[in-house]
Amino acid sequence: MPNSSKPYKDLRRSTRVPIRIRIDVQTTGLSCDGETIVVNLHGALVKTSTKLDLGARINVHVQLTGKTAEARVVFVSRERPLEFGIGLDQPQNIWGVSLPPADWQEGVE
């Protein structure tokens, strides 16, 4: 039987790291800039200059690292219309977090 007293955050696939990093987002017919709010190995909460659609396939380019990854918009904030949750297709530290949490082992789902 699962331990129901465990905090919800323990159910996440990887630890969240609050960090603001400049990004570029591209999707079909749209290119915009933005920044991360919180990142993890599997995605990020981001703020962009243009509205993104839930389920949209996007490419995220991190200006700091020069890395690009494919992702999908998995959350659209109702309270903050330009904030979105994105899920990376492949778990990876494209963000440039130099001392990643122990559970950020790439290739582990």
C-alpha atoms as a PDB file:
ATOM      1  CA  MET A   1       0.000   0.000   0.000  1.00  0.00           C
ATOM      2  CA  PRO A   2       1.441   3.418  -0.964  1.00  0.00           C
ATOM      3  CA  ASN A   3       2.441   5.796   1.778  1.00  0.00           C
ATOM      4  CA  SER A   4      -0.191   8.541   1.563  1.00  0.00           C
ATOM      5  CA  SER A   5       1.763  10.814   3.916  1.00  0.00           C
ATOM      6  CA  LYS A   6       4.495  11.380   1.294  1.00  0.00           C
ATOM      7  CA  PRO A   7       4.573  14.946  -0.032  1.00  0.00           C
ATOM      8  CA  TYR A   8       3.226  15.371  -3.571  1.00  0.00           C
ATOM      9  CA  LYS A   9       6.555  16.715  -4.840  1.00  0.00           C
ATOM     10  CA  ASP A  10       8.129  13.283  -4.248  1.00  0.00           C
ATOM     11  CA  LEU A  11       5.931  11.963  -7.069  1.00  0.00           C
ATOM     12  CA  ARG A  12       7.662  14.204  -9.630  1.00  0.00           C
ATOM     13  CA  ARG A  13      10.085  12.552 -12.016  1.00  0.00           C
ATOM     14  CA  SER A  14      12.939  14.957 -11.191  1.00  0.00           C
ATOM     15  CA  THR A  15      13.688  17.766  -8.754  1.00  0.00           C
ATOM     16  CA  ARG A  16      12.623  21.269  -9.740  1.00  0.00           C
ATOM     17  CA  VAL A  17      15.230  24.044  -9.761  1.00  0.00           C
ATOM     18  CA  PRO A  18      14.060  27.681  -9.745  1.00  0.00           C
ATOM     19  CA  ILE A  19      16.208  29.528 -12.293  1.00  0.00           C
ATOM     20  CA  ARG A  20      15.612  32.232 -14.890  1.00  0.00           C
ATOM     21  CA  ILE A  21      17.221  31.441 -18.230  1.00  0.00           C
ATOM     22  CA  ARG A  22      16.544  33.181 -21.563  1.00  0.00           C
ATOM     23  CA  ILE A  23      15.031  30.878 -24.193  1.00  0.00           C
ATOM     24  CA  ASP A  24      13.738  31.017 -27.764  1.00  0.00           C
ATOM     25  CA  VAL A  25      10.653  28.983 -28.657  1.00  0.00           C
ATOM     26  CA  GLN A  26       9.702  27.903 -32.163  1.00  0.00           C
ATOM     27  CA  THR A  27       6.564  26.150 -33.337  1.00  0.00           C
ATOM     28  CA  THR A  28       4.772  25.970 -36.668  1.00  0.00           C
ATOM     29  CA  GLY A  29       4.417  29.533 -37.931  1.00  0.00           C
ATOM     30  CA  LEU A  30       5.626  31.117 -34.681  1.00  0.00           C
ATOM     31  CA  SER A  31       8.871  32.155 -33.044  1.00  0.00           C
ATOM     32  CA  CYS A  32       9.077  33.980 -29.717  1.00  0.00           C
ATOM     33  CA  ASP A  33      11.389  34.645 -26.830  1.00  0.00           C
ATOM     34  CA  GLY A  34      10.897  33.820 -23.190  1.00  0.00           C
ATOM     35  CA  GLU A  35      12.502  32.699 -19.976  1.00  0.00           C
ATOM     36  CA  THR A  36      12.320  29.771 -17.614  1.00  0.00           C
ATOM     37  CA  ILE A  37      10.825  30.108 -14.140  1.00  0.00           C
ATOM     38  CA  VAL A  38      11.491  26.589 -12.861  1.00  0.00           C
ATOM     39  CA  VAL A  39      13.322  23.760 -14.648  1.00  0.00           C
ATOM     40  CA  ASN A  40      13.856  20.049 -14.177  1.00  0.00           C
ATOM     41  CA  LEU A  41      15.299  17.218 -16.201  1.00  0.00           C
ATOM     42  CA  HIS A  42      11.926  16.549 -17.849  1.00  0.00           C
ATOM     43  CA  GLY A  43      10.800  20.090 -18.686  1.00  0.00           C
ATOM     44  CA  ALA A  44      10.135  23.554 -17.328  1.00  0.00           C
ATOM     45  CA  LEU A  45       7.662  26.222 -16.387  1.00  0.00           C
ATOM     46  CA  VAL A  46       8.299  29.054 -18.839  1.00  0.00           C
ATOM     47  CA  LYS A  47       7.029  32.545 -19.578  1.00  0.00           C
ATOM     48  CA  THR A  48       6.924  33.554 -23.245  1.00  0.00           C
ATOM     49  CA  SER A  49       6.178  36.750 -25.171  1.00  0.00           C
ATOM     50  CA  THR A  50       3.425  35.000 -27.172  1.00  0.00           C
ATOM     51  CA  LYS A  51       0.598  32.621 -26.272  1.00  0.00           C
ATOM     52  CA  LEU A  52       1.256  28.910 -26.884  1.00  0.00           C
ATOM     53  CA  ASP A  53      -1.434  26.284 -27.369  1.00  0.00           C
ATOM     54  CA  LEU A  54      -1.860  23.302 -25.088  1.00  0.00           C
ATOM     55  CA  GLY A  55      -0.425  20.237 -26.818  1.00  0.00           C
ATOM     56  CA  ALA A  56       1.653  22.271 -29.292  1.00  0.00           C
ATOM     57  CA  ARG A  57       4.925  20.715 -30.464  1.00  0.00           C
ATOM     58  CA  ILE A  58       7.772  23.179 -29.904  1.00  0.00           C
ATOM     59  CA  ASN A  59      11.531  23.536 -30.174  1.00  0.00           C
ATOM     60  CA  VAL A  60      13.204  25.194 -27.185  1.00  0.00           C
ATOM     61  CA  HIS A  61      16.596  26.856 -27.636  1.00  0.00           C
ATOM     62  CA  VAL A  62      18.495  27.836 -24.474  1.00  0.00           C
ATOM     63  CA  GLN A  63      20.531  30.962 -25.181  1.00  0.00           C
ATOM     64  CA  LEU A  64      23.029  30.310 -22.342  1.00  0.00           C
ATOM     65  CA  THR A  65      24.020  26.790 -23.438  1.00  0.00           C
ATOM     66  CA  GLY A  66      23.217  26.905 -27.152  1.00  0.00           C
ATOM     67  CA  LYS A  67      21.279  23.632 -26.715  1.00  0.00           C
ATOM     68  CA  THR A  68      17.976  22.929 -28.422  1.00  0.00           C
ATOM     69  CA  ALA A  69      15.373  20.280 -27.567  1.00  0.00           C
ATOM     70  CA  GLU A  70      11.989  19.188 -28.831  1.00  0.00           C
ATOM     71  CA  ALA A  71       9.126  19.519 -26.365  1.00  0.00           C
ATOM     72  CA  ARG A  72       5.368  19.758 -25.986  1.00  0.00           C
ATOM     73  CA  VAL A  73       3.197  22.306 -24.144  1.00  0.00           C
ATOM     74  CA  VAL A  74       1.638  20.296 -21.302  1.00  0.00           C
ATOM     75  CA  PHE A  75       0.154  23.078 -19.146  1.00  0.00           C
ATOM     76  CA  VAL A  76      -1.370  26.497 -19.788  1.00  0.00           C
ATOM     77  CA  SER A  77      -1.799  28.793 -16.783  1.00  0.00           C
ATOM     78  CA  ARG A  78      -5.266  30.315 -16.395  1.00  0.00           C
ATOM     79  CA  GLU A  79      -4.044  32.974 -13.973  1.00  0.00           C
ATOM     80  CA  ARG A  80      -0.969  33.972 -16.007  1.00  0.00           C
ATOM     81  CA  PRO A  81      -1.798  33.683 -19.728  1.00  0.00           C
ATOM     82  CA  LEU A  82       1.833  33.699 -20.911  1.00  0.00           C
ATOM     83  CA  GLU A  83       3.076  30.967 -18.520  1.00  0.00           C
ATOM     84  CA  PHE A  84       3.304  27.399 -19.780  1.00  0.00           C
ATOM     85  CA  GLY A  85       4.527  24.031 -18.635  1.00  0.00           C
ATOM     86  CA  ILE A  86       6.618  22.219 -21.224  1.00  0.00           C
ATOM     87  CA  GLY A  87       7.659  18.579 -21.293  1.00  0.00           C
ATOM     88  CA  LEU A  88      10.887  17.641 -23.050  1.00  0.00           C
ATOM     89  CA  ASP A  89      10.707  14.675 -25.423  1.00  0.00           C
ATOM     90  CA  GLN A  90      13.960  13.341 -23.938  1.00  0.00           C
ATOM     91  CA  PRO A  91      14.961  14.057 -20.310  1.00  0.00           C
ATOM     92  CA  GLN A  92      18.097  16.217 -20.409  1.00  0.00           C
ATOM     93  CA  ASN A  93      19.817  19.162 -18.763  1.00  0.00           C
ATOM     94  CA  ILE A  94      19.641  21.624 -21.643  1.00  0.00           C
ATOM     95  CA  TRP A  95      19.341  24.397 -19.051  1.00  0.00           C
ATOM     96  CA  GLY A  96      22.997  24.536 -18.023  1.00  0.00           C
ATOM     97  CA  VAL A  97      22.377  23.768 -14.340  1.00  0.00           C
ATOM     98  CA  SER A  98      25.998  23.198 -13.283  1.00  0.00           C
ATOM     99  CA  LEU A  99      25.274  21.318 -10.041  1.00  0.00           C
ATOM    100  CA  PRO A 100      22.166  19.313 -10.923  1.00  0.00           C
ATOM    101  CA  PRO A 101      20.218  17.411  -8.243  1.00  0.00           C
ATOM    102  CA  ALA A 102      21.133  13.734  -7.784  1.00  0.00           C
ATOM    103  CA  ASP A 103      17.963  12.556  -9.559  1.00  0.00           C
ATOM    104  CA  TRP A 104      18.921  14.360 -12.793  1.00  0.00           C
ATOM    105  CA  GLN A 105      20.536  11.310 -14.365  1.00  0.00           C
ATOM    106  CA  GLU A 106      19.989  11.672 -18.099  1.00  0.00           C
ATOM    107  CA  GLY A 107      18.471   8.707 -19.868  1.00  0.00           C
ATOM    108  CA  VAL A 108      16.486   7.643 -16.773  1.00  0.00           C
ATOM    109  CA  GLU A 109      12.724   7.955 -17.213  1.00  0.00           C
END
